Amino acid sequence: MPTISGFSDTEAESVRGAMLVAKLCIDAALKEAFFDDGGFSSRIGKYFGSNEAGTHAIMKTINSMKLLIETDVYCVKRGGDIEDSNAKADHFTTQSIVFGGSDARQARTARLQGTMMYEGKRVNHVESVMTDAPKNGAFEMELFDNFFGLPYMLQDSQSQIETFLHELSHVAAGTKDVDAPSCYGWGGVQYCKSIKKGTENAESYGMFLQSYIG
């Protein structure tokens, strides 16, 4: 697990709790993907829209997030008072999760990029970067004052859990804030879904994964 620094004891407890719940959300998503395909597909439809290529891209991102949260390649630090911002995170070099061609070709490409060597290169995003990371804690996530004013958990809304998952997807998979500020909040998730960019949008992953805690 990553190290945390600069927080008060109360804040540190909240951050550790958010990290733990985030891991549980990711594990629950992967469990549903493998054991309840119908439930997983329905949930993807709500947050991202449904197509085979998108599902593979989502799985690739979630697996990268799982690998990252169990390592110490990044650290979590206390930031200051940044107006209208809850948190920020370093991004690993963005790896495209959008593919061209027919639906079948897109799905195959996404699956190959997420699971095996593709065009002679490692393609698990976190694995490839961790190999070259200069030291543990080389990448940072900062949590600002606004983070601690958020509810701990709130379905289909910004919360501490959702924010942590949002930032984790930036670090793990190079997700974006698509057309910011249009991408934020529940309205932003639906906006990105409507323009077929949900699989690129960090907020979409935050709210999708938060939905696994009831």
N, C-alpha and C. Protein backbone atom coordinates (compact mmCIF):
# COMPACT_ATOMS: atom_id res chain seq x y z
N MET A 1 0.85 -1.20 0.00
CA MET A 1 0.00 0.00 0.00
C MET A 1 0.88 1.24 0.00
N PRO A 2 0.39 2.35 -0.58
CA PRO A 2 1.19 3.57 -0.62
C PRO A 2 1.35 4.20 0.76
N THR A 3 2.38 4.99 0.92
CA THR A 3 2.57 5.74 2.15
C THR A 3 1.73 7.01 2.11
N ILE A 4 1.39 7.54 3.28
CA ILE A 4 0.66 8.80 3.37
C ILE A 4 1.45 9.73 4.29
N SER A 5 1.36 11.04 4.04
CA SER A 5 2.12 11.98 4.85
C SER A 5 1.44 13.35 4.89
N GLY A 6 1.67 14.06 6.00
CA GLY A 6 1.21 15.43 6.14
C GLY A 6 -0.18 15.59 6.70
N PHE A 7 -0.84 14.50 7.06
CA PHE A 7 -2.22 14.55 7.54
C PHE A 7 -2.26 14.55 9.07
N SER A 8 -3.30 15.17 9.61
CA SER A 8 -3.56 15.02 11.04
C SER A 8 -3.97 13.58 11.30
N ASP A 9 -4.01 13.20 12.58
CA ASP A 9 -4.38 11.83 12.91
C ASP A 9 -5.78 11.50 12.41
N THR A 10 -6.72 12.44 12.56
CA THR A 10 -8.10 12.22 12.11
C THR A 10 -8.16 12.11 10.60
N GLU A 11 -7.43 13.00 9.92
CA GLU A 11 -7.40 12.96 8.46
C GLU A 11 -6.77 11.67 7.96
N ALA A 12 -5.68 11.27 8.61
CA ALA A 12 -4.99 10.04 8.20
C ALA A 12 -5.91 8.83 8.33
N GLU A 13 -6.72 8.81 9.36
CA GLU A 13 -7.67 7.71 9.53
C GLU A 13 -8.67 7.68 8.37
N SER A 14 -9.15 8.86 7.97
CA SER A 14 -10.09 8.94 6.84
C SER A 14 -9.44 8.48 5.54
N VAL A 15 -8.20 8.91 5.33
CA VAL A 15 -7.50 8.54 4.10
C VAL A 15 -7.25 7.03 4.04
N ARG A 16 -6.78 6.46 5.13
CA ARG A 16 -6.56 5.01 5.15
C ARG A 16 -7.87 4.26 4.93
N GLY A 17 -8.94 4.78 5.53
CA GLY A 17 -10.25 4.16 5.32
C GLY A 17 -10.68 4.23 3.87
N ALA A 18 -10.47 5.38 3.24
CA ALA A 18 -10.83 5.54 1.83
C ALA A 18 -10.02 4.60 0.96
N MET A 19 -8.75 4.45 1.26
CA MET A 19 -7.90 3.53 0.49
C MET A 19 -8.38 2.09 0.63
N LEU A 20 -8.75 1.71 1.85
CA LEU A 20 -9.22 0.35 2.08
C LEU A 20 -10.54 0.09 1.34
N VAL A 21 -11.48 1.03 1.46
CA VAL A 21 -12.77 0.85 0.80
C VAL A 21 -12.60 0.87 -0.72
N ALA A 22 -11.71 1.72 -1.22
CA ALA A 22 -11.44 1.74 -2.66
C ALA A 22 -10.98 0.37 -3.14
N LYS A 23 -10.09 -0.25 -2.38
CA LYS A 23 -9.62 -1.59 -2.75
C LYS A 23 -10.78 -2.59 -2.74
N LEU A 24 -11.67 -2.49 -1.75
CA LEU A 24 -12.82 -3.38 -1.69
C LEU A 24 -13.74 -3.18 -2.88
N CYS A 25 -13.91 -1.92 -3.30
CA CYS A 25 -14.74 -1.62 -4.47
C CYS A 25 -14.15 -2.25 -5.73
N ILE A 26 -12.84 -2.11 -5.90
CA ILE A 26 -12.19 -2.68 -7.07
C ILE A 26 -12.31 -4.20 -7.07
N ASP A 27 -12.09 -4.81 -5.92
CA ASP A 27 -12.21 -6.27 -5.81
C ASP A 27 -13.63 -6.72 -6.11
N ALA A 28 -14.63 -5.95 -5.62
CA ALA A 28 -16.03 -6.30 -5.86
C ALA A 28 -16.37 -6.20 -7.35
N ALA A 29 -15.83 -5.18 -8.01
CA ALA A 29 -16.08 -5.03 -9.45
C ALA A 29 -15.51 -6.20 -10.22
N LEU A 30 -14.30 -6.61 -9.89
CA LEU A 30 -13.68 -7.74 -10.59
C LEU A 30 -14.42 -9.04 -10.30
N LYS A 31 -14.88 -9.20 -9.08
CA LYS A 31 -15.65 -10.40 -8.74
C LYS A 31 -16.94 -10.44 -9.55
N GLU A 32 -17.64 -9.31 -9.63
CA GLU A 32 -18.88 -9.27 -10.40
C GLU A 32 -18.61 -9.54 -11.88
N ALA A 33 -17.51 -8.99 -12.39
CA ALA A 33 -17.18 -9.19 -13.80
C ALA A 33 -17.02 -10.67 -14.13
N PHE A 34 -16.45 -11.43 -13.20
CA PHE A 34 -16.17 -12.84 -13.47
C PHE A 34 -17.31 -13.77 -13.08
N PHE A 35 -18.15 -13.35 -12.12
CA PHE A 35 -19.17 -14.28 -11.61
C PHE A 35 -20.61 -13.84 -11.87
N ASP A 36 -20.81 -12.61 -12.33
CA ASP A 36 -22.16 -12.12 -12.61
C ASP A 36 -22.09 -11.20 -13.82
N ASP A 37 -21.92 -11.80 -14.98
CA ASP A 37 -21.73 -11.01 -16.19
C ASP A 37 -22.92 -10.09 -16.47
N GLY A 38 -24.13 -10.57 -16.20
CA GLY A 38 -25.31 -9.76 -16.43
C GLY A 38 -25.34 -8.53 -15.55
N GLY A 39 -25.03 -8.71 -14.27
CA GLY A 39 -25.00 -7.58 -13.34
C GLY A 39 -23.91 -6.58 -13.70
N PHE A 40 -22.75 -7.10 -14.09
CA PHE A 40 -21.64 -6.24 -14.48
C PHE A 40 -21.98 -5.44 -15.73
N SER A 41 -22.56 -6.09 -16.72
CA SER A 41 -22.92 -5.41 -17.96
C SER A 41 -23.98 -4.33 -17.71
N SER A 42 -24.93 -4.63 -16.84
CA SER A 42 -25.96 -3.65 -16.51
C SER A 42 -25.36 -2.43 -15.84
N ARG A 43 -24.42 -2.65 -14.93
CA ARG A 43 -23.78 -1.54 -14.23
C ARG A 43 -22.92 -0.71 -15.20
N ILE A 44 -22.22 -1.37 -16.09
CA ILE A 44 -21.45 -0.65 -17.11
C ILE A 44 -22.38 0.22 -17.96
N GLY A 45 -23.53 -0.33 -18.32
CA GLY A 45 -24.47 0.44 -19.12
C GLY A 45 -24.91 1.71 -18.43
N LYS A 46 -25.10 1.66 -17.12
CA LYS A 46 -25.53 2.84 -16.37
C LYS A 46 -24.48 3.94 -16.38
N TYR A 47 -23.21 3.57 -16.23
CA TYR A 47 -22.16 4.57 -16.06
C TYR A 47 -21.38 4.89 -17.34
N PHE A 48 -21.33 3.95 -18.26
CA PHE A 48 -20.49 4.13 -19.44
C PHE A 48 -21.23 3.99 -20.76
N GLY A 49 -22.35 3.29 -20.76
CA GLY A 49 -22.93 2.83 -22.02
C GLY A 49 -22.33 1.48 -22.35
N SER A 50 -22.99 0.72 -23.16
CA SER A 50 -22.58 -0.68 -23.36
C SER A 50 -22.07 -0.95 -24.77
N ASN A 51 -20.87 -1.49 -24.84
CA ASN A 51 -20.37 -2.14 -26.06
C ASN A 51 -19.19 -3.00 -25.66
N GLU A 52 -18.89 -3.99 -26.47
CA GLU A 52 -17.87 -4.98 -26.09
C GLU A 52 -16.50 -4.34 -25.92
N ALA A 53 -16.13 -3.45 -26.84
CA ALA A 53 -14.82 -2.81 -26.74
C ALA A 53 -14.70 -1.98 -25.47
N GLY A 54 -15.78 -1.25 -25.14
CA GLY A 54 -15.77 -0.46 -23.92
C GLY A 54 -15.60 -1.30 -22.68
N THR A 55 -16.26 -2.46 -22.66
CA THR A 55 -16.14 -3.36 -21.51
C THR A 55 -14.70 -3.82 -21.33
N HIS A 56 -14.02 -4.16 -22.39
CA HIS A 56 -12.61 -4.58 -22.28
C HIS A 56 -11.73 -3.43 -21.81
N ALA A 57 -11.99 -2.21 -22.31
CA ALA A 57 -11.21 -1.06 -21.87
C ALA A 57 -11.43 -0.79 -20.39
N ILE A 58 -12.65 -0.92 -19.93
CA ILE A 58 -12.96 -0.73 -18.51
C ILE A 58 -12.24 -1.77 -17.66
N MET A 59 -12.26 -3.02 -18.10
CA MET A 59 -11.57 -4.08 -17.35
C MET A 59 -10.07 -3.80 -17.28
N LYS A 60 -9.51 -3.31 -18.37
CA LYS A 60 -8.08 -2.99 -18.38
C LYS A 60 -7.75 -1.93 -17.34
N THR A 61 -8.59 -0.90 -17.27
CA THR A 61 -8.37 0.18 -16.31
C THR A 61 -8.53 -0.32 -14.88
N ILE A 62 -9.57 -1.09 -14.61
CA ILE A 62 -9.81 -1.59 -13.25
C ILE A 62 -8.66 -2.49 -12.80
N ASN A 63 -8.18 -3.35 -13.68
CA ASN A 63 -7.05 -4.21 -13.32
C ASN A 63 -5.79 -3.40 -13.03
N SER A 64 -5.57 -2.34 -13.79
CA SER A 64 -4.43 -1.47 -13.52
C SER A 64 -4.58 -0.79 -12.16
N MET A 65 -5.81 -0.37 -11.84
CA MET A 65 -6.06 0.26 -10.54
C MET A 65 -5.81 -0.72 -9.40
N LYS A 66 -6.20 -1.97 -9.59
CA LYS A 66 -5.97 -2.98 -8.54
C LYS A 66 -4.48 -3.18 -8.31
N LEU A 67 -3.73 -3.28 -9.39
CA LEU A 67 -2.28 -3.46 -9.26
C LEU A 67 -1.65 -2.26 -8.57
N LEU A 68 -2.09 -1.06 -8.92
CA LEU A 68 -1.49 0.13 -8.35
C LEU A 68 -1.77 0.26 -6.86
N ILE A 69 -3.01 0.02 -6.44
CA ILE A 69 -3.37 0.27 -5.05
C ILE A 69 -2.65 -0.69 -4.11
N GLU A 70 -2.14 -1.78 -4.64
CA GLU A 70 -1.43 -2.75 -3.81
C GLU A 70 0.08 -2.55 -3.84
N THR A 71 0.54 -1.44 -4.40
CA THR A 71 1.97 -1.17 -4.47
C THR A 71 2.30 0.14 -3.74
N ASP A 72 3.59 0.42 -3.64
CA ASP A 72 4.02 1.69 -3.06
C ASP A 72 4.73 2.56 -4.10
N VAL A 73 4.35 2.40 -5.37
CA VAL A 73 4.95 3.22 -6.42
C VAL A 73 4.53 4.68 -6.27
N TYR A 74 3.38 4.92 -5.64
CA TYR A 74 2.94 6.30 -5.44
C TYR A 74 2.72 6.54 -3.94
N CYS A 75 2.58 7.82 -3.58
CA CYS A 75 2.31 8.19 -2.20
C CYS A 75 1.16 9.19 -2.18
N VAL A 76 0.53 9.33 -1.03
CA VAL A 76 -0.59 10.24 -0.86
C VAL A 76 -0.18 11.31 0.14
N LYS A 77 -0.30 12.58 -0.28
CA LYS A 77 0.15 13.69 0.55
C LYS A 77 -0.97 14.68 0.81
N ARG A 78 -0.81 15.43 1.91
CA ARG A 78 -1.77 16.49 2.26
C ARG A 78 -1.44 17.73 1.46
N GLY A 79 -2.42 18.19 0.67
CA GLY A 79 -2.29 19.45 -0.04
C GLY A 79 -2.94 20.56 0.76
N GLY A 80 -2.99 21.74 0.18
CA GLY A 80 -3.53 22.90 0.89
C GLY A 80 -4.96 23.21 0.51
N ASP A 81 -5.28 24.51 0.51
CA ASP A 81 -6.62 24.98 0.18
C ASP A 81 -6.61 25.42 -1.28
N ILE A 82 -7.05 24.55 -2.17
CA ILE A 82 -7.10 24.85 -3.59
C ILE A 82 -8.56 25.02 -3.98
N GLU A 83 -8.94 26.23 -4.36
CA GLU A 83 -10.34 26.52 -4.64
C GLU A 83 -10.88 25.61 -5.75
N ASP A 84 -12.09 25.07 -5.49
CA ASP A 84 -12.80 24.24 -6.48
C ASP A 84 -12.04 22.99 -6.87
N SER A 85 -11.18 22.50 -6.01
CA SER A 85 -10.46 21.27 -6.32
C SER A 85 -10.38 20.38 -5.09
N ASN A 86 -10.69 19.12 -5.27
CA ASN A 86 -10.65 18.17 -4.16
C ASN A 86 -9.30 17.47 -4.05
N ALA A 87 -8.68 17.23 -5.19
CA ALA A 87 -7.44 16.45 -5.20
C ALA A 87 -6.79 16.58 -6.56
N LYS A 88 -5.54 16.12 -6.63
CA LYS A 88 -4.87 15.98 -7.92
C LYS A 88 -3.88 14.84 -7.82
N ALA A 89 -3.49 14.31 -8.97
CA ALA A 89 -2.57 13.19 -8.97
C ALA A 89 -1.67 13.26 -10.19
N ASP A 90 -0.43 12.78 -10.01
CA ASP A 90 0.44 12.59 -11.16
C ASP A 90 -0.21 11.58 -12.10
N HIS A 91 0.03 11.75 -13.37
CA HIS A 91 -0.46 10.81 -14.36
C HIS A 91 0.72 10.02 -14.92
N PHE A 92 0.57 8.72 -14.97
CA PHE A 92 1.48 7.97 -15.80
C PHE A 92 1.22 8.40 -17.24
N THR A 93 2.18 8.20 -18.10
CA THR A 93 2.01 8.59 -19.50
C THR A 93 0.73 7.97 -20.04
N THR A 94 -0.13 8.82 -20.58
CA THR A 94 -1.44 8.36 -21.03
C THR A 94 -1.32 7.27 -22.08
N GLN A 95 -2.04 6.20 -21.86
CA GLN A 95 -2.12 5.11 -22.82
C GLN A 95 -3.53 5.09 -23.38
N SER A 96 -3.68 5.17 -24.69
CA SER A 96 -4.99 5.25 -25.29
C SER A 96 -5.85 4.06 -24.92
N ILE A 97 -7.11 4.32 -24.56
CA ILE A 97 -8.07 3.25 -24.34
C ILE A 97 -9.22 3.38 -25.34
N VAL A 98 -8.95 4.05 -26.45
CA VAL A 98 -9.92 4.19 -27.53
C VAL A 98 -9.33 3.53 -28.77
N PHE A 99 -10.10 2.72 -29.44
CA PHE A 99 -9.59 1.95 -30.56
C PHE A 99 -10.46 2.16 -31.78
N GLY A 100 -9.89 1.96 -32.96
CA GLY A 100 -10.62 2.13 -34.19
C GLY A 100 -11.04 0.80 -34.80
N GLY A 101 -11.77 0.88 -35.91
CA GLY A 101 -12.18 -0.33 -36.61
C GLY A 101 -13.57 -0.79 -36.20
N SER A 102 -13.94 -1.97 -36.65
CA SER A 102 -15.24 -2.54 -36.33
C SER A 102 -15.34 -2.83 -34.84
N ASP A 103 -16.57 -3.05 -34.36
CA ASP A 103 -16.76 -3.37 -32.95
C ASP A 103 -15.94 -4.60 -32.54
N ALA A 104 -15.94 -5.60 -33.39
CA ALA A 104 -15.20 -6.82 -33.07
C ALA A 104 -13.70 -6.55 -33.00
N ARG A 105 -13.18 -5.74 -33.92
CA ARG A 105 -11.76 -5.41 -33.92
C ARG A 105 -11.40 -4.58 -32.69
N GLN A 106 -12.25 -3.61 -32.36
CA GLN A 106 -12.01 -2.79 -31.17
C GLN A 106 -11.95 -3.66 -29.93
N ALA A 107 -12.88 -4.58 -29.80
CA ALA A 107 -12.91 -5.45 -28.62
C ALA A 107 -11.66 -6.31 -28.55
N ARG A 108 -11.25 -6.86 -29.68
CA ARG A 108 -10.05 -7.70 -29.70
C ARG A 108 -8.82 -6.88 -29.31
N THR A 109 -8.71 -5.66 -29.85
CA THR A 109 -7.55 -4.82 -29.55
C THR A 109 -7.52 -4.47 -28.07
N ALA A 110 -8.66 -4.08 -27.52
CA ALA A 110 -8.72 -3.75 -26.10
C ALA A 110 -8.33 -4.95 -25.25
N ARG A 111 -8.82 -6.12 -25.62
CA ARG A 111 -8.51 -7.33 -24.86
C ARG A 111 -7.03 -7.64 -24.92
N LEU A 112 -6.45 -7.53 -26.10
CA LEU A 112 -5.01 -7.80 -26.24
C LEU A 112 -4.19 -6.79 -25.44
N GLN A 113 -4.56 -5.53 -25.49
CA GLN A 113 -3.80 -4.52 -24.75
C GLN A 113 -3.89 -4.75 -23.25
N GLY A 114 -5.00 -5.31 -22.80
CA GLY A 114 -5.17 -5.50 -21.36
C GLY A 114 -4.61 -6.77 -20.82
N THR A 115 -4.30 -7.73 -21.68
CA THR A 115 -3.99 -9.05 -21.13
C THR A 115 -2.67 -9.66 -21.58
N MET A 116 -2.03 -9.12 -22.61
CA MET A 116 -0.84 -9.81 -23.10
C MET A 116 0.05 -8.84 -23.86
N MET A 117 1.16 -9.35 -24.38
CA MET A 117 2.05 -8.53 -25.18
C MET A 117 1.32 -8.06 -26.43
N TYR A 118 1.51 -6.79 -26.78
CA TYR A 118 0.83 -6.24 -27.94
C TYR A 118 1.84 -5.44 -28.74
N GLU A 119 2.04 -5.82 -29.98
CA GLU A 119 3.04 -5.18 -30.83
C GLU A 119 4.41 -5.14 -30.16
N GLY A 120 4.73 -6.23 -29.44
CA GLY A 120 6.06 -6.39 -28.87
C GLY A 120 6.34 -5.59 -27.63
N LYS A 121 5.31 -5.00 -27.02
CA LYS A 121 5.54 -4.15 -25.84
C LYS A 121 4.67 -4.62 -24.68
N ARG A 122 5.15 -4.40 -23.46
CA ARG A 122 4.31 -4.63 -22.29
C ARG A 122 3.15 -3.65 -22.36
N VAL A 123 1.96 -4.10 -22.03
CA VAL A 123 0.83 -3.20 -22.17
C VAL A 123 0.00 -3.03 -20.91
N ASN A 124 0.24 -3.84 -19.87
CA ASN A 124 -0.39 -3.51 -18.61
C ASN A 124 0.22 -2.19 -18.16
N HIS A 125 -0.59 -1.16 -18.08
CA HIS A 125 -0.09 0.20 -17.96
C HIS A 125 0.78 0.37 -16.71
N VAL A 126 0.28 -0.08 -15.59
CA VAL A 126 1.02 0.08 -14.34
C VAL A 126 2.26 -0.78 -14.33
N GLU A 127 2.14 -2.01 -14.81
CA GLU A 127 3.29 -2.91 -14.81
C GLU A 127 4.45 -2.31 -15.61
N SER A 128 4.14 -1.74 -16.76
CA SER A 128 5.20 -1.19 -17.60
C SER A 128 5.88 -0.01 -16.94
N VAL A 129 5.09 0.83 -16.23
CA VAL A 129 5.68 2.01 -15.60
C VAL A 129 6.41 1.64 -14.32
N MET A 130 5.87 0.68 -13.56
CA MET A 130 6.53 0.29 -12.33
C MET A 130 7.93 -0.25 -12.59
N THR A 131 8.08 -0.92 -13.72
CA THR A 131 9.39 -1.46 -14.08
C THR A 131 10.43 -0.35 -14.17
N ASP A 132 9.99 0.83 -14.62
CA ASP A 132 10.92 1.93 -14.84
C ASP A 132 10.84 3.02 -13.76
N ALA A 133 9.99 2.83 -12.76
CA ALA A 133 9.83 3.86 -11.73
C ALA A 133 11.16 4.07 -11.00
N PRO A 134 11.61 5.32 -10.82
CA PRO A 134 12.92 5.56 -10.23
C PRO A 134 13.00 5.15 -8.77
N LYS A 135 11.89 5.21 -8.05
CA LYS A 135 11.91 4.83 -6.64
C LYS A 135 10.48 4.68 -6.16
N ASN A 136 10.32 4.03 -5.02
CA ASN A 136 9.00 3.94 -4.43
C ASN A 136 8.50 5.32 -4.06
N GLY A 137 7.21 5.54 -4.24
CA GLY A 137 6.64 6.84 -3.93
C GLY A 137 6.98 7.91 -4.94
N ALA A 138 7.41 7.51 -6.13
CA ALA A 138 7.85 8.48 -7.14
C ALA A 138 6.69 9.30 -7.67
N PHE A 139 5.48 8.76 -7.63
CA PHE A 139 4.31 9.46 -8.13
C PHE A 139 3.43 9.86 -6.95
N GLU A 140 2.79 11.02 -7.06
CA GLU A 140 2.08 11.59 -5.92
C GLU A 140 0.60 11.80 -6.19
N MET A 141 -0.19 11.62 -5.15
CA MET A 141 -1.58 12.05 -5.12
C MET A 141 -1.70 13.03 -3.96
N GLU A 142 -2.27 14.20 -4.23
CA GLU A 142 -2.49 15.20 -3.19
C GLU A 142 -3.98 15.33 -2.90
N LEU A 143 -4.32 15.40 -1.62
CA LEU A 143 -5.69 15.61 -1.19
C LEU A 143 -5.78 17.00 -0.54
N PHE A 144 -6.70 17.82 -1.03
CA PHE A 144 -6.80 19.21 -0.59
C PHE A 144 -7.86 19.37 0.50
N ASP A 145 -7.96 20.59 1.01
CA ASP A 145 -8.94 20.88 2.07
C ASP A 145 -10.34 20.40 1.69
N ASN A 146 -10.74 20.68 0.44
CA ASN A 146 -12.09 20.33 0.01
C ASN A 146 -12.40 18.85 0.15
N PHE A 147 -11.37 18.02 0.02
CA PHE A 147 -11.56 16.57 0.12
C PHE A 147 -12.19 16.21 1.46
N PHE A 148 -11.75 16.86 2.52
CA PHE A 148 -12.22 16.50 3.86
C PHE A 148 -13.58 17.12 4.18
N GLY A 149 -14.06 17.98 3.30
CA GLY A 149 -15.42 18.50 3.43
C GLY A 149 -16.45 17.67 2.68
N LEU A 150 -15.99 16.70 1.91
CA LEU A 150 -16.90 15.84 1.17
C LEU A 150 -17.49 14.77 2.09
N PRO A 151 -18.69 14.28 1.76
CA PRO A 151 -19.18 13.11 2.50
C PRO A 151 -18.24 11.94 2.30
N TYR A 152 -18.17 11.05 3.27
CA TYR A 152 -17.25 9.92 3.15
C TYR A 152 -17.63 9.05 1.96
N MET A 153 -18.94 8.82 1.80
CA MET A 153 -19.46 8.01 0.71
C MET A 153 -20.85 8.52 0.36
N LEU A 154 -21.15 8.65 -0.93
CA LEU A 154 -22.48 9.09 -1.36
C LEU A 154 -22.68 8.61 -2.79
N GLN A 155 -23.62 7.70 -2.99
CA GLN A 155 -23.81 7.10 -4.29
C GLN A 155 -24.09 8.13 -5.38
N ASP A 156 -23.45 7.95 -6.51
CA ASP A 156 -23.62 8.78 -7.69
C ASP A 156 -23.37 10.27 -7.41
N SER A 157 -22.47 10.51 -6.49
CA SER A 157 -22.07 11.87 -6.12
C SER A 157 -20.59 11.87 -5.76
N GLN A 158 -20.01 13.04 -5.76
CA GLN A 158 -18.63 13.15 -5.30
C GLN A 158 -18.56 12.90 -3.80
N SER A 159 -17.57 12.16 -3.39
CA SER A 159 -17.34 11.83 -1.98
C SER A 159 -15.85 11.56 -1.82
N GLN A 160 -15.44 11.28 -0.60
CA GLN A 160 -14.03 10.96 -0.39
C GLN A 160 -13.66 9.66 -1.10
N ILE A 161 -14.53 8.65 -1.01
CA ILE A 161 -14.25 7.38 -1.69
C ILE A 161 -14.19 7.59 -3.19
N GLU A 162 -15.19 8.28 -3.73
CA GLU A 162 -15.25 8.50 -5.18
C GLU A 162 -14.05 9.30 -5.66
N THR A 163 -13.67 10.32 -4.90
CA THR A 163 -12.53 11.16 -5.29
C THR A 163 -11.24 10.34 -5.31
N PHE A 164 -11.05 9.51 -4.30
CA PHE A 164 -9.84 8.68 -4.26
C PHE A 164 -9.80 7.75 -5.47
N LEU A 165 -10.92 7.12 -5.80
CA LEU A 165 -10.98 6.23 -6.96
C LEU A 165 -10.75 7.00 -8.26
N HIS A 166 -11.33 8.18 -8.36
CA HIS A 166 -11.13 9.06 -9.51
C HIS A 166 -9.64 9.32 -9.72
N GLU A 167 -8.96 9.75 -8.66
CA GLU A 167 -7.53 10.07 -8.79
C GLU A 167 -6.70 8.82 -9.05
N LEU A 168 -7.08 7.72 -8.44
CA LEU A 168 -6.35 6.47 -8.65
C LEU A 168 -6.39 6.06 -10.12
N SER A 169 -7.53 6.30 -10.78
CA SER A 169 -7.61 5.94 -12.20
C SER A 169 -6.70 6.82 -13.05
N HIS A 170 -6.51 8.09 -12.64
CA HIS A 170 -5.54 8.94 -13.34
C HIS A 170 -4.15 8.32 -13.27
N VAL A 171 -3.75 7.95 -12.05
CA VAL A 171 -2.40 7.44 -11.83
C VAL A 171 -2.23 6.08 -12.51
N ALA A 172 -3.25 5.23 -12.37
CA ALA A 172 -3.11 3.85 -12.84
C ALA A 172 -3.23 3.71 -14.34
N ALA A 173 -4.10 4.50 -14.96
CA ALA A 173 -4.44 4.22 -16.36
C ALA A 173 -4.45 5.45 -17.25
N GLY A 174 -3.99 6.58 -16.74
CA GLY A 174 -3.94 7.77 -17.57
C GLY A 174 -5.31 8.27 -18.00
N THR A 175 -6.34 8.02 -17.16
CA THR A 175 -7.66 8.56 -17.50
C THR A 175 -7.62 10.08 -17.47
N LYS A 176 -8.63 10.71 -18.05
CA LYS A 176 -8.67 12.15 -18.21
C LYS A 176 -9.86 12.76 -17.49
N ASP A 177 -9.83 14.08 -17.36
CA ASP A 177 -11.03 14.83 -17.00
C ASP A 177 -11.57 15.38 -18.32
N VAL A 178 -12.44 14.62 -18.92
CA VAL A 178 -12.89 14.89 -20.29
C VAL A 178 -13.70 16.19 -20.34
N ASP A 179 -13.24 17.13 -21.17
CA ASP A 179 -13.95 18.40 -21.35
C ASP A 179 -14.24 19.09 -20.02
N ALA A 180 -13.27 19.07 -19.10
CA ALA A 180 -13.47 19.69 -17.79
C ALA A 180 -13.91 21.15 -17.97
N PRO A 181 -14.86 21.62 -17.13
CA PRO A 181 -15.47 20.95 -15.97
C PRO A 181 -16.73 20.14 -16.29
N SER A 182 -17.01 19.91 -17.57
CA SER A 182 -18.26 19.23 -17.94
C SER A 182 -18.31 17.79 -17.45
N CYS A 183 -17.16 17.21 -17.09
CA CYS A 183 -17.08 15.79 -16.76
C CYS A 183 -17.37 15.48 -15.30
N TYR A 184 -17.55 16.50 -14.45
CA TYR A 184 -17.62 16.25 -13.01
C TYR A 184 -19.05 16.03 -12.54
N GLY A 185 -19.18 15.29 -11.45
CA GLY A 185 -20.48 15.02 -10.87
C GLY A 185 -21.26 14.01 -11.69
N TRP A 186 -22.47 13.70 -11.20
CA TRP A 186 -23.30 12.72 -11.89
C TRP A 186 -23.66 13.20 -13.30
N GLY A 187 -23.92 14.50 -13.43
CA GLY A 187 -24.20 15.05 -14.75
C GLY A 187 -23.03 14.88 -15.69
N GLY A 188 -21.80 15.00 -15.17
CA GLY A 188 -20.61 14.83 -15.99
C GLY A 188 -20.45 13.39 -16.46
N VAL A 189 -20.77 12.44 -15.59
CA VAL A 189 -20.70 11.03 -15.98
C VAL A 189 -21.67 10.76 -17.12
N GLN A 190 -22.88 11.29 -17.00
CA GLN A 190 -23.87 11.09 -18.06
C GLN A 190 -23.47 11.83 -19.35
N TYR A 191 -22.86 12.99 -19.19
CA TYR A 191 -22.37 13.73 -20.37
C TYR A 191 -21.32 12.90 -21.11
N CYS A 192 -20.34 12.37 -20.39
CA CYS A 192 -19.29 11.57 -21.03
C CYS A 192 -19.86 10.30 -21.65
N LYS A 193 -20.85 9.74 -21.01
CA LYS A 193 -21.53 8.57 -21.59
C LYS A 193 -22.19 8.96 -22.90
N SER A 194 -22.84 10.13 -22.94
CA SER A 194 -23.58 10.55 -24.14
C SER A 194 -22.66 10.83 -25.32
N ILE A 195 -21.42 11.27 -25.04
CA ILE A 195 -20.48 11.54 -26.14
C ILE A 195 -19.51 10.38 -26.34
N LYS A 196 -19.81 9.26 -25.68
CA LYS A 196 -19.05 8.01 -25.83
C LYS A 196 -17.58 8.16 -25.43
N LYS A 197 -17.36 8.91 -24.33
CA LYS A 197 -16.01 9.06 -23.80
C LYS A 197 -15.92 8.65 -22.34
N GLY A 198 -16.92 7.90 -21.87
CA GLY A 198 -16.92 7.48 -20.48
C GLY A 198 -15.71 6.65 -20.10
N THR A 199 -15.24 5.80 -21.01
CA THR A 199 -14.10 4.93 -20.68
C THR A 199 -12.81 5.71 -20.54
N GLU A 200 -12.80 6.97 -20.96
CA GLU A 200 -11.62 7.83 -20.80
C GLU A 200 -11.70 8.70 -19.55
N ASN A 201 -12.87 8.79 -18.94
CA ASN A 201 -13.16 9.80 -17.93
C ASN A 201 -12.98 9.29 -16.51
N ALA A 202 -12.14 9.96 -15.73
CA ALA A 202 -11.84 9.50 -14.37
C ALA A 202 -13.07 9.51 -13.47
N GLU A 203 -13.92 10.53 -13.59
CA GLU A 203 -15.11 10.62 -12.73
C GLU A 203 -16.04 9.44 -12.96
N SER A 204 -16.08 8.95 -14.19
CA SER A 204 -16.94 7.80 -14.49
C SER A 204 -16.48 6.57 -13.72
N TYR A 205 -15.17 6.37 -13.64
CA TYR A 205 -14.65 5.23 -12.87
C TYR A 205 -14.89 5.43 -11.37
N GLY A 206 -14.73 6.65 -10.89
CA GLY A 206 -14.96 6.92 -9.48
C GLY A 206 -16.37 6.54 -9.06
N MET A 207 -17.35 6.98 -9.84
CA MET A 207 -18.74 6.71 -9.47
C MET A 207 -19.15 5.28 -9.75
N PHE A 208 -18.65 4.72 -10.85
CA PHE A 208 -18.91 3.31 -11.15
C PHE A 208 -18.43 2.41 -10.02
N LEU A 209 -17.20 2.60 -9.59
CA LEU A 209 -16.64 1.73 -8.56
C LEU A 209 -17.25 2.01 -7.19
N GLN A 210 -17.57 3.26 -6.90
CA GLN A 210 -18.22 3.57 -5.63
C GLN A 210 -19.57 2.85 -5.51
N SER A 211 -20.19 2.58 -6.64
CA SER A 211 -21.53 1.94 -6.61
C SER A 211 -21.49 0.54 -6.01
N TYR A 212 -20.30 -0.02 -5.84
CA TYR A 212 -20.19 -1.36 -5.26
C TYR A 212 -20.31 -1.37 -3.74
N ILE A 213 -20.39 -0.21 -3.12
CA ILE A 213 -20.66 -0.15 -1.69
C ILE A 213 -22.04 0.48 -1.52
N GLY A 214 -22.93 -0.21 -0.82
CA GLY A 214 -24.33 0.19 -0.86
C GLY A 214 -24.73 1.12 0.24
